[in-house]
Amino acid sequence: MATFKADLETLGKLGTTLHDLAREAEGTKPKRVAAVSPHEQLQSTAAGLLLESEQLLGVLIPTIKERLGETGDVMANVARQYKDTDESNADSILDVYRKSTGDWTA
């Protein structure tokens, strides 16, 4: 029983950690090198900057932030919801957790 309680406590702490990582991901910005005027820049540089703004900053980072935040919510909520239960509910907890976090495979 003590191990089960410790596992739920750890799950709650991991939820907080994921929220922290979500905030950190949101603040992630690429480092800039020396500025080059548009007429001096290579096409590959322009393409890279476009990828950066559209894919990295526009899609990937917001998706990472959202996924980490949602999973952190699930972890914290499961830990809180089941804090007074015993190990006989482990399968139920795992089922709730899996259903709440969705499919992680591509």
PDB file of N, CA and C in Angstrom:
ATOM      1  N   MET A   1       0.822  -1.200   0.000  1.00  0.00           N
ATOM      2  CA  MET A   1       0.000   0.000   0.000  1.00  0.00           C
ATOM      3  C   MET A   1       0.859   1.254   0.000  1.00  0.00           C
ATOM      4  N   ALA A   2       1.935   1.263   0.765  1.00  0.00           N
ATOM      5  CA  ALA A   2       2.799   2.447   0.828  1.00  0.00           C
ATOM      6  C   ALA A   2       3.422   2.736  -0.530  1.00  0.00           C
ATOM      7  N   THR A   3       3.787   1.681  -1.255  1.00  0.00           N
ATOM      8  CA  THR A   3       4.366   1.863  -2.584  1.00  0.00           C
ATOM      9  C   THR A   3       3.354   2.484  -3.527  1.00  0.00           C
ATOM     10  N   PHE A   4       2.108   2.030  -3.446  1.00  0.00           N
ATOM     11  CA  PHE A   4       1.045   2.553  -4.291  1.00  0.00           C
ATOM     12  C   PHE A   4       0.835   4.041  -4.036  1.00  0.00           C
ATOM     13  N   LYS A   5       0.783   4.421  -2.774  1.00  0.00           N
ATOM     14  CA  LYS A   5       0.631   5.840  -2.414  1.00  0.00           C
ATOM     15  C   LYS A   5       1.816   6.653  -2.930  1.00  0.00           C
ATOM     16  N   ALA A   6       3.008   6.090  -2.805  1.00  0.00           N
ATOM     17  CA  ALA A   6       4.204   6.779  -3.296  1.00  0.00           C
ATOM     18  C   ALA A   6       4.151   6.932  -4.806  1.00  0.00           C
ATOM     19  N   ASP A   7       3.649   5.910  -5.495  1.00  0.00           N
ATOM     20  CA  ASP A   7       3.522   5.988  -6.952  1.00  0.00           C
ATOM     21  C   ASP A   7       2.550   7.088  -7.358  1.00  0.00           C
ATOM     22  N   LEU A   8       1.431   7.191  -6.654  1.00  0.00           N
ATOM     23  CA  LEU A   8       0.469   8.251  -6.956  1.00  0.00           C
ATOM     24  C   LEU A   8       1.053   9.627  -6.652  1.00  0.00           C
ATOM     25  N   GLU A   9       1.809   9.714  -5.575  1.00  0.00           N
ATOM     26  CA  GLU A   9       2.461  10.981  -5.238  1.00  0.00           C
ATOM     27  C   GLU A   9       3.465  11.363  -6.330  1.00  0.00           C
ATOM     28  N   THR A  10       4.219  10.386  -6.793  1.00  0.00           N
ATOM     29  CA  THR A  10       5.180  10.624  -7.871  1.00  0.00           C
ATOM     30  C   THR A  10       4.455  11.043  -9.144  1.00  0.00           C
ATOM     31  N   LEU A  11       3.326  10.415  -9.435  1.00  0.00           N
ATOM     32  CA  LEU A  11       2.540  10.772 -10.609  1.00  0.00           C
ATOM     33  C   LEU A  11       2.100  12.230 -10.532  1.00  0.00           C
ATOM     34  N   GLY A  12       1.661  12.659  -9.367  1.00  0.00           N
ATOM     35  CA  GLY A  12       1.275  14.058  -9.184  1.00  0.00           C
ATOM     36  C   GLY A  12       2.441  15.007  -9.394  1.00  0.00           C
ATOM     37  N   LYS A  13       3.613  14.638  -8.889  1.00  0.00           N
ATOM     38  CA  LYS A  13       4.808  15.471  -9.072  1.00  0.00           C
ATOM     39  C   LYS A  13       5.223  15.523 -10.538  1.00  0.00           C
ATOM     40  N   LEU A  14       5.094  14.398 -11.220  1.00  0.00           N
ATOM     41  CA  LEU A  14       5.421  14.380 -12.649  1.00  0.00           C
ATOM     42  C   LEU A  14       4.468  15.270 -13.441  1.00  0.00           C
ATOM     43  N   GLY A  15       3.220  15.338 -12.998  1.00  0.00           N
ATOM     44  CA  GLY A  15       2.270  16.248 -13.632  1.00  0.00           C
ATOM     45  C   GLY A  15       2.742  17.687 -13.536  1.00  0.00           C
ATOM     46  N   THR A  16       3.234  18.070 -12.367  1.00  0.00           N
ATOM     47  CA  THR A  16       3.784  19.419 -12.182  1.00  0.00           C
ATOM     48  C   THR A  16       5.006  19.630 -13.063  1.00  0.00           C
ATOM     49  N   THR A  17       5.858  18.621 -13.145  1.00  0.00           N
ATOM     50  CA  THR A  17       7.049  18.710 -13.994  1.00  0.00           C
ATOM     51  C   THR A  17       6.655  18.911 -15.451  1.00  0.00           C
ATOM     52  N   LEU A  18       5.640  18.193 -15.908  1.00  0.00           N
ATOM     53  CA  LEU A  18       5.197  18.359 -17.295  1.00  0.00           C
ATOM     54  C   LEU A  18       4.633  19.748 -17.541  1.00  0.00           C
ATOM     55  N   HIS A  19       3.939  20.311 -16.566  1.00  0.00           N
ATOM     56  CA  HIS A  19       3.459  21.690 -16.716  1.00  0.00           C
ATOM     57  C   HIS A  19       4.637  22.658 -16.833  1.00  0.00           C
ATOM     58  N   ASP A  20       5.671  22.435 -16.032  1.00  0.00           N
ATOM     59  CA  ASP A  20       6.873  23.268 -16.114  1.00  0.00           C
ATOM     60  C   ASP A  20       7.528  23.142 -17.486  1.00  0.00           C
ATOM     61  N   LEU A  21       7.609  21.919 -17.994  1.00  0.00           N
ATOM     62  CA  LEU A  21       8.196  21.700 -19.318  1.00  0.00           C
ATOM     63  C   LEU A  21       7.352  22.339 -20.419  1.00  0.00           C
ATOM     64  N   ALA A  22       6.040  22.335 -20.257  1.00  0.00           N
ATOM     65  CA  ALA A  22       5.160  22.981 -21.236  1.00  0.00           C
ATOM     66  C   ALA A  22       5.437  24.480 -21.285  1.00  0.00           C
ATOM     67  N   ARG A  23       5.596  25.096 -20.117  1.00  0.00           N
ATOM     68  CA  ARG A  23       5.917  26.532 -20.083  1.00  0.00           C
ATOM     69  C   ARG A  23       7.289  26.796 -20.703  1.00  0.00           C
ATOM     70  N   GLU A  24       8.230  25.909 -20.431  1.00  0.00           N
ATOM     71  CA  GLU A  24       9.570  26.060 -20.998  1.00  0.00           C
ATOM     72  C   GLU A  24       9.539  25.899 -22.518  1.00  0.00           C
ATOM     73  N   ALA A  25       8.769  24.944 -22.996  1.00  0.00           N
ATOM     74  CA  ALA A  25       8.653  24.737 -24.448  1.00  0.00           C
ATOM     75  C   ALA A  25       8.056  25.965 -25.115  1.00  0.00           C
ATOM     76  N   GLU A  26       7.072  26.561 -24.462  1.00  0.00           N
ATOM     77  CA  GLU A  26       6.426  27.748 -25.018  1.00  0.00           C
ATOM     78  C   GLU A  26       7.429  28.889 -25.204  1.00  0.00           C
ATOM     79  N   GLY A  27       8.402  28.969 -24.317  1.00  0.00           N
ATOM     80  CA  GLY A  27       9.395  30.033 -24.387  1.00  0.00           C
ATOM     81  C   GLY A  27      10.576  29.726 -25.290  1.00  0.00           C
ATOM     82  N   THR A  28      10.570  28.554 -25.924  1.00  0.00           N
ATOM     83  CA  THR A  28      11.687  28.166 -26.781  1.00  0.00           C
ATOM     84  C   THR A  28      11.681  28.986 -28.058  1.00  0.00           C
ATOM     85  N   LYS A  29      12.777  29.635 -28.300  1.00  0.00           N
ATOM     86  CA  LYS A  29      12.950  30.423 -29.524  1.00  0.00           C
ATOM     87  C   LYS A  29      14.318  30.100 -30.103  1.00  0.00           C
ATOM     88  N   PRO A  30      14.420  30.033 -31.415  1.00  0.00           N
ATOM     89  CA  PRO A  30      15.729  29.752 -32.026  1.00  0.00           C
ATOM     90  C   PRO A  30      16.698  30.908 -31.800  1.00  0.00           C
ATOM     91  N   LYS A  31      17.978  30.573 -31.727  1.00  0.00           N
ATOM     92  CA  LYS A  31      19.003  31.609 -31.615  1.00  0.00           C
ATOM     93  C   LYS A  31      19.209  32.239 -32.984  1.00  0.00           C
ATOM     94  N   ARG A  32      19.430  33.510 -32.985  1.00  0.00           N
ATOM     95  CA  ARG A  32      19.657  34.236 -34.239  1.00  0.00           C
ATOM     96  C   ARG A  32      21.151  34.462 -34.442  1.00  0.00           C
ATOM     97  N   VAL A  33      21.558  34.313 -35.672  1.00  0.00           N
ATOM     98  CA  VAL A  33      22.933  34.658 -36.036  1.00  0.00           C
ATOM     99  C   VAL A  33      22.902  36.067 -36.606  1.00  0.00           C
ATOM    100  N   ALA A  34      24.021  36.544 -37.054  1.00  0.00           N
ATOM    101  CA  ALA A  34      24.092  37.903 -37.596  1.00  0.00           C
ATOM    102  C   ALA A  34      23.053  38.096 -38.700  1.00  0.00           C
ATOM    103  N   ALA A  35      22.393  39.219 -38.666  1.00  0.00           N
ATOM    104  CA  ALA A  35      21.358  39.511 -39.654  1.00  0.00           C
ATOM    105  C   ALA A  35      21.972  39.732 -41.034  1.00  0.00           C
ATOM    106  N   VAL A  36      21.284  39.233 -42.026  1.00  0.00           N
ATOM    107  CA  VAL A  36      21.700  39.405 -43.418  1.00  0.00           C
ATOM    108  C   VAL A  36      20.534  40.047 -44.142  1.00  0.00           C
ATOM    109  N   SER A  37      20.824  41.003 -44.990  1.00  0.00           N
ATOM    110  CA  SER A  37      19.742  41.652 -45.719  1.00  0.00           C
ATOM    111  C   SER A  37      19.094  40.643 -46.670  1.00  0.00           C
ATOM    112  N   PRO A  38      17.794  40.808 -46.932  1.00  0.00           N
ATOM    113  CA  PRO A  38      17.074  39.840 -47.759  1.00  0.00           C
ATOM    114  C   PRO A  38      17.699  39.607 -49.139  1.00  0.00           C
ATOM    115  N   HIS A  39      18.269  40.633 -49.767  1.00  0.00           N
ATOM    116  CA  HIS A  39      18.831  40.432 -51.106  1.00  0.00           C
ATOM    117  C   HIS A  39      20.192  39.732 -51.064  1.00  0.00           C
ATOM    118  N   GLU A  40      20.811  39.626 -49.882  1.00  0.00           N
ATOM    119  CA  GLU A  40      22.087  38.920 -49.741  1.00  0.00           C
ATOM    120  C   GLU A  40      21.913  37.483 -49.238  1.00  0.00           C
ATOM    121  N   GLN A  41      20.731  37.141 -48.804  1.00  0.00           N
ATOM    122  CA  GLN A  41      20.556  35.832 -48.183  1.00  0.00           C
ATOM    123  C   GLN A  41      20.322  34.741 -49.232  1.00  0.00           C
ATOM    124  N   LEU A  42      20.831  33.579 -48.941  1.00  0.00           N
ATOM    125  CA  LEU A  42      20.663  32.436 -49.823  1.00  0.00           C
ATOM    126  C   LEU A  42      19.216  31.949 -49.784  1.00  0.00           C
ATOM    127  N   GLN A  43      18.789  31.312 -50.860  1.00  0.00           N
ATOM    128  CA  GLN A  43      17.434  30.761 -50.885  1.00  0.00           C
ATOM    129  C   GLN A  43      17.247  29.724 -49.781  1.00  0.00           C
ATOM    130  N   SER A  44      18.291  28.965 -49.504  1.00  0.00           N
ATOM    131  CA  SER A  44      18.189  27.954 -48.447  1.00  0.00           C
ATOM    132  C   SER A  44      17.977  28.605 -47.080  1.00  0.00           C
ATOM    133  N   THR A  45      18.573  29.769 -46.879  1.00  0.00           N
ATOM    134  CA  THR A  45      18.374  30.495 -45.624  1.00  0.00           C
ATOM    135  C   THR A  45      16.934  30.964 -45.518  1.00  0.00           C
ATOM    136  N   ALA A  46      16.414  31.503 -46.610  1.00  0.00           N
ATOM    137  CA  ALA A  46      15.021  31.953 -46.624  1.00  0.00           C
ATOM    138  C   ALA A  46      14.078  30.781 -46.371  1.00  0.00           C
ATOM    139  N   ALA A  47      14.372  29.631 -46.985  1.00  0.00           N
ATOM    140  CA  ALA A  47      13.539  28.443 -46.782  1.00  0.00           C
ATOM    141  C   ALA A  47      13.614  27.978 -45.328  1.00  0.00           C
ATOM    142  N   GLY A  48      14.804  28.018 -44.751  1.00  0.00           N
ATOM    143  CA  GLY A  48      14.970  27.630 -43.352  1.00  0.00           C
ATOM    144  C   GLY A  48      14.204  28.541 -42.414  1.00  0.00           C
ATOM    145  N   LEU A  49      14.237  29.836 -42.679  1.00  0.00           N
ATOM    146  CA  LEU A  49      13.501  30.792 -41.847  1.00  0.00           C
ATOM    147  C   LEU A  49      11.994  30.584 -41.967  1.00  0.00           C
ATOM    148  N   LEU A  50      11.549  30.250 -43.178  1.00  0.00           N
ATOM    149  CA  LEU A  50      10.132  29.979 -43.380  1.00  0.00           C
ATOM    150  C   LEU A  50       9.710  28.723 -42.612  1.00  0.00           C
ATOM    151  N   LEU A  51      10.532  27.681 -42.693  1.00  0.00           N
ATOM    152  CA  LEU A  51      10.255  26.460 -41.925  1.00  0.00           C
ATOM    153  C   LEU A  51      10.215  26.754 -40.430  1.00  0.00           C
ATOM    154  N   GLU A  52      11.164  27.565 -40.002  1.00  0.00           N
ATOM    155  CA  GLU A  52      11.224  27.920 -38.581  1.00  0.00           C
ATOM    156  C   GLU A  52       9.941  28.593 -38.135  1.00  0.00           C
ATOM    157  N   SER A  53       9.494  29.579 -38.885  1.00  0.00           N
ATOM    158  CA  SER A  53       8.323  30.331 -38.446  1.00  0.00           C
ATOM    159  C   SER A  53       7.034  29.534 -38.598  1.00  0.00           C
ATOM    160  N   GLU A  54       6.892  28.820 -39.710  1.00  0.00           N
ATOM    161  CA  GLU A  54       5.637  28.105 -39.937  1.00  0.00           C
ATOM    162  C   GLU A  54       5.555  26.789 -39.174  1.00  0.00           C
ATOM    163  N   GLN A  55       6.608  26.000 -39.229  1.00  0.00           N
ATOM    164  CA  GLN A  55       6.545  24.663 -38.647  1.00  0.00           C
ATOM    165  C   GLN A  55       6.989  24.625 -37.185  1.00  0.00           C
ATOM    166  N   LEU A  56       8.165  25.169 -36.912  1.00  0.00           N
ATOM    167  CA  LEU A  56       8.693  25.111 -35.550  1.00  0.00           C
ATOM    168  C   LEU A  56       7.878  25.984 -34.602  1.00  0.00           C
ATOM    169  N   LEU A  57       7.790  27.267 -34.924  1.00  0.00           N
ATOM    170  CA  LEU A  57       7.108  28.201 -34.029  1.00  0.00           C
ATOM    171  C   LEU A  57       5.590  28.139 -34.161  1.00  0.00           C
ATOM    172  N   GLY A  58       5.101  27.806 -35.364  1.00  0.00           N
ATOM    173  CA  GLY A  58       3.661  27.813 -35.597  1.00  0.00           C
ATOM    174  C   GLY A  58       2.952  26.512 -35.279  1.00  0.00           C
ATOM    175  N   VAL A  59       3.675  25.389 -35.370  1.00  0.00           N
ATOM    176  CA  VAL A  59       3.025  24.089 -35.186  1.00  0.00           C
ATOM    177  C   VAL A  59       3.681  23.255 -34.087  1.00  0.00           C
ATOM    178  N   LEU A  60       4.962  22.985 -34.241  1.00  0.00           N
ATOM    179  CA  LEU A  60       5.625  22.024 -33.357  1.00  0.00           C
ATOM    180  C   LEU A  60       5.644  22.471 -31.892  1.00  0.00           C
ATOM    181  N   ILE A  61       6.117  23.670 -31.632  1.00  0.00           N
ATOM    182  CA  ILE A  61       6.213  24.133 -30.242  1.00  0.00           C
ATOM    183  C   ILE A  61       4.834  24.255 -29.587  1.00  0.00           C
ATOM    184  N   PRO A  62       3.825  24.842 -30.265  1.00  0.00           N
ATOM    185  CA  PRO A  62       2.500  24.870 -29.635  1.00  0.00           C
ATOM    186  C   PRO A  62       1.925  23.471 -29.373  1.00  0.00           C
ATOM    187  N   THR A  63       2.201  22.527 -30.270  1.00  0.00           N
ATOM    188  CA  THR A  63       1.715  21.161 -30.083  1.00  0.00           C
ATOM    189  C   THR A  63       2.397  20.498 -28.892  1.00  0.00           C
ATOM    190  N   ILE A  64       3.700  20.689 -28.778  1.00  0.00           N
ATOM    191  CA  ILE A  64       4.438  20.137 -27.635  1.00  0.00           C
ATOM    192  C   ILE A  64       3.905  20.722 -26.333  1.00  0.00           C
ATOM    193  N   LYS A  65       3.717  22.035 -26.306  1.00  0.00           N
ATOM    194  CA  LYS A  65       3.201  22.699 -25.106  1.00  0.00           C
ATOM    195  C   LYS A  65       1.835  22.139 -24.723  1.00  0.00           C
ATOM    196  N   GLU A  66       0.963  22.005 -25.707  1.00  0.00           N
ATOM    197  CA  GLU A  66      -0.380  21.507 -25.433  1.00  0.00           C
ATOM    198  C   GLU A  66      -0.353  20.063 -24.927  1.00  0.00           C
ATOM    199  N   ARG A  67       0.428  19.221 -25.574  1.00  0.00           N
ATOM    200  CA  ARG A  67       0.485  17.799 -25.191  1.00  0.00           C
ATOM    201  C   ARG A  67       1.073  17.625 -23.785  1.00  0.00           C
ATOM    202  N   LEU A  68       2.141  18.359 -23.496  1.00  0.00           N
ATOM    203  CA  LEU A  68       2.737  18.275 -22.160  1.00  0.00           C
ATOM    204  C   LEU A  68       1.759  18.770 -21.098  1.00  0.00           C
ATOM    205  N   GLY A  69       1.089  19.886 -21.387  1.00  0.00           N
ATOM    206  CA  GLY A  69       0.127  20.440 -20.437  1.00  0.00           C
ATOM    207  C   GLY A  69      -1.043  19.505 -20.185  1.00  0.00           C
ATOM    208  N   GLU A  70      -1.593  18.938 -21.266  1.00  0.00           N
ATOM    209  CA  GLU A  70      -2.718  18.013 -21.123  1.00  0.00           C
ATOM    210  C   GLU A  70      -2.317  16.771 -20.332  1.00  0.00           C
ATOM    211  N   THR A  71      -1.158  16.217 -20.650  1.00  0.00           N
ATOM    212  CA  THR A  71      -0.706  15.014 -19.951  1.00  0.00           C
ATOM    213  C   THR A  71      -0.407  15.323 -18.487  1.00  0.00           C
ATOM    214  N   GLY A  72       0.147  16.504 -18.225  1.00  0.00           N
ATOM    215  CA  GLY A  72       0.367  16.927 -16.839  1.00  0.00           C
ATOM    216  C   GLY A  72      -0.940  17.045 -16.077  1.00  0.00           C
ATOM    217  N   ASP A  73      -1.977  17.568 -16.741  1.00  0.00           N
ATOM    218  CA  ASP A  73      -3.303  17.655 -16.118  1.00  0.00           C
ATOM    219  C   ASP A  73      -3.828  16.270 -15.762  1.00  0.00           C
ATOM    220  N   VAL A  74      -3.694  15.340 -16.712  1.00  0.00           N
ATOM    221  CA  VAL A  74      -4.176  13.976 -16.475  1.00  0.00           C
ATOM    222  C   VAL A  74      -3.445  13.356 -15.290  1.00  0.00           C
ATOM    223  N   MET A  75      -2.126  13.494 -15.267  1.00  0.00           N
ATOM    224  CA  MET A  75      -1.342  12.911 -14.170  1.00  0.00           C
ATOM    225  C   MET A  75      -1.777  13.476 -12.825  1.00  0.00           C
ATOM    226  N   ALA A  76      -1.890  14.789 -12.753  1.00  0.00           N
ATOM    227  CA  ALA A  76      -2.275  15.429 -11.495  1.00  0.00           C
ATOM    228  C   ALA A  76      -3.694  15.033 -11.088  1.00  0.00           C
ATOM    229  N   ASN A  77      -4.610  14.997 -12.056  1.00  0.00           N
ATOM    230  CA  ASN A  77      -5.999  14.651 -11.751  1.00  0.00           C
ATOM    231  C   ASN A  77      -6.151  13.196 -11.317  1.00  0.00           C
ATOM    232  N   VAL A  78      -5.447  12.288 -11.994  1.00  0.00           N
ATOM    233  CA  VAL A  78      -5.506  10.873 -11.606  1.00  0.00           C
ATOM    234  C   VAL A  78      -4.937  10.694 -10.199  1.00  0.00           C
ATOM    235  N   ALA A  79      -3.817  11.332  -9.926  1.00  0.00           N
ATOM    236  CA  ALA A  79      -3.208  11.224  -8.595  1.00  0.00           C
ATOM    237  C   ALA A  79      -4.155  11.761  -7.522  1.00  0.00           C
ATOM    238  N   ARG A  80      -4.808  12.876  -7.811  1.00  0.00           N
ATOM    239  CA  ARG A  80      -5.732  13.477  -6.847  1.00  0.00           C
ATOM    240  C   ARG A  80      -6.992  12.608  -6.678  1.00  0.00           C
ATOM    241  N   GLN A  81      -7.526  12.132  -7.799  1.00  0.00           N
ATOM    242  CA  GLN A  81      -8.765  11.351  -7.764  1.00  0.00           C
ATOM    243  C   GLN A  81      -8.602  10.029  -7.017  1.00  0.00           C
ATOM    244  N   TYR A  82      -7.447   9.408  -7.155  1.00  0.00           N
ATOM    245  CA  TYR A  82      -7.248   8.077  -6.580  1.00  0.00           C
ATOM    246  C   TYR A  82      -6.364   8.075  -5.329  1.00  0.00           C
ATOM    247  N   LYS A  83      -6.108   9.233  -4.745  1.00  0.00           N
ATOM    248  CA  LYS A  83      -5.176   9.304  -3.612  1.00  0.00           C
ATOM    249  C   LYS A  83      -5.619   8.480  -2.404  1.00  0.00           C
ATOM    250  N   ASP A  84      -6.910   8.272  -2.247  1.00  0.00           N
ATOM    251  CA  ASP A  84      -7.407   7.525  -1.087  1.00  0.00           C
ATOM    252  C   ASP A  84      -7.805   6.086  -1.422  1.00  0.00           C
ATOM    253  N   THR A  85      -7.357   5.583  -2.554  1.00  0.00           N
ATOM    254  CA  THR A  85      -7.702   4.211  -2.938  1.00  0.00           C
ATOM    255  C   THR A  85      -6.527   3.281  -2.665  1.00  0.00           C
ATOM    256  N   ASP A  86      -6.760   2.007  -2.867  1.00  0.00           N
ATOM    257  CA  ASP A  86      -5.684   1.045  -2.655  1.00  0.00           C
ATOM    258  C   ASP A  86      -5.279   0.405  -3.987  1.00  0.00           C
ATOM    259  N   GLU A  87      -4.346  -0.514  -3.911  1.00  0.00           N
ATOM    260  CA  GLU A  87      -3.787  -1.125  -5.118  1.00  0.00           C
ATOM    261  C   GLU A  87      -4.797  -1.918  -5.926  1.00  0.00           C
ATOM    262  N   SER A  88      -5.919  -2.274  -5.342  1.00  0.00           N
ATOM    263  CA  SER A  88      -6.929  -3.022  -6.089  1.00  0.00           C
ATOM    264  C   SER A  88      -7.512  -2.184  -7.228  1.00  0.00           C
ATOM    265  N   ASN A  89      -7.320  -0.873  -7.178  1.00  0.00           N
ATOM    266  CA  ASN A  89      -7.810   0.018  -8.230  1.00  0.00           C
ATOM    267  C   ASN A  89      -6.754   0.327  -9.288  1.00  0.00           C
ATOM    268  N   ALA A  90      -5.623  -0.329  -9.234  1.00  0.00           N
ATOM    269  CA  ALA A  90      -4.520  -0.018 -10.154  1.00  0.00           C
ATOM    270  C   ALA A  90      -4.934  -0.164 -11.614  1.00  0.00           C
ATOM    271  N   ASP A  91      -5.667  -1.224 -11.947  1.00  0.00           N
ATOM    272  CA  ASP A  91      -6.100  -1.415 -13.337  1.00  0.00           C
ATOM    273  C   ASP A  91      -7.038  -0.302 -13.780  1.00  0.00           C
ATOM    274  N   SER A  92      -7.920   0.102 -12.893  1.00  0.00           N
ATOM    275  CA  SER A  92      -8.847   1.193 -13.194  1.00  0.00           C
ATOM    276  C   SER A  92      -8.093   2.499 -13.422  1.00  0.00           C
ATOM    277  N   ILE A  93      -7.104   2.759 -12.591  1.00  0.00           N
ATOM    278  CA  ILE A  93      -6.296   3.973 -12.727  1.00  0.00           C
ATOM    279  C   ILE A  93      -5.556   3.970 -14.057  1.00  0.00           C
ATOM    280  N   LEU A  94      -4.957   2.849 -14.393  1.00  0.00           N
ATOM    281  CA  LEU A  94      -4.224   2.734 -15.649  1.00  0.00           C
ATOM    282  C   LEU A  94      -5.155   2.936 -16.832  1.00  0.00           C
ATOM    283  N   ASP A  95      -6.351   2.389 -16.764  1.00  0.00           N
ATOM    284  CA  ASP A  95      -7.328   2.536 -17.837  1.00  0.00           C
ATOM    285  C   ASP A  95      -7.735   3.999 -18.007  1.00  0.00           C
ATOM    286  N   VAL A  96      -8.027   4.682 -16.904  1.00  0.00           N
ATOM    287  CA  VAL A  96      -8.383   6.105 -16.958  1.00  0.00           C
ATOM    288  C   VAL A  96      -7.238   6.911 -17.559  1.00  0.00           C
ATOM    289  N   TYR A  97      -6.034   6.626 -17.114  1.00  0.00           N
ATOM    290  CA  TYR A  97      -4.856   7.351 -17.599  1.00  0.00           C
ATOM    291  C   TYR A  97      -4.674   7.151 -19.103  1.00  0.00           C
ATOM    292  N   ARG A  98      -4.745   5.921 -19.555  1.00  0.00           N
ATOM    293  CA  ARG A  98      -4.554   5.636 -20.986  1.00  0.00           C
ATOM    294  C   ARG A  98      -5.637   6.282 -21.840  1.00  0.00           C
ATOM    295  N   LYS A  99      -6.872   6.200 -21.395  1.00  0.00           N
ATOM    296  CA  LYS A  99      -7.970   6.809 -22.155  1.00  0.00           C
ATOM    297  C   LYS A  99      -7.839   8.329 -22.183  1.00  0.00           C
ATOM    298  N   SER A 100      -7.354   8.901 -21.117  1.00  0.00           N
ATOM    299  CA  SER A 100      -7.245  10.358 -21.021  1.00  0.00           C
ATOM    300  C   SER A 100      -6.092  10.928 -21.827  1.00  0.00           C
ATOM    301  N   THR A 101      -5.019  10.167 -21.982  1.00  0.00           N
ATOM    302  CA  THR A 101      -3.859  10.697 -22.709  1.00  0.00           C
ATOM    303  C   THR A 101      -3.890  10.369 -24.187  1.00  0.00           C
ATOM    304  N   GLY A 102      -4.762   9.495 -24.606  1.00  0.00           N
ATOM    305  CA  GLY A 102      -4.882   9.194 -26.027  1.00  0.00           C
ATOM    306  C   GLY A 102      -3.764   8.309 -26.546  1.00  0.00           C
ATOM    307  N   ASP A 103      -3.731   8.188 -27.855  1.00  0.00           N
ATOM    308  CA  ASP A 103      -2.769   7.322 -28.531  1.00  0.00           C
ATOM    309  C   ASP A 103      -1.482   8.089 -28.793  1.00  0.00           C
ATOM    310  N   TRP A 104      -0.372   7.559 -28.318  1.00  0.00           N
ATOM    311  CA  TRP A 104       0.925   8.215 -28.492  1.00  0.00           C
ATOM    312  C   TRP A 104       1.689   7.674 -29.688  1.00  0.00           C
ATOM    313  N   THR A 105       1.114   6.755 -30.416  1.00  0.00           N
ATOM    314  CA  THR A 105       1.830   6.184 -31.554  1.00  0.00           C
ATOM    315  C   THR A 105       1.407   6.868 -32.835  1.00  0.00           C
ATOM    316  N   ALA A 106       2.311   6.841 -33.800  1.00  0.00           N
ATOM    317  CA  ALA A 106       2.021   7.488 -35.089  1.00  0.00           C
ATOM    318  C   ALA A 106       1.347   6.517 -36.020  1.00  0.00           C
TER     319      ALA A 106
END
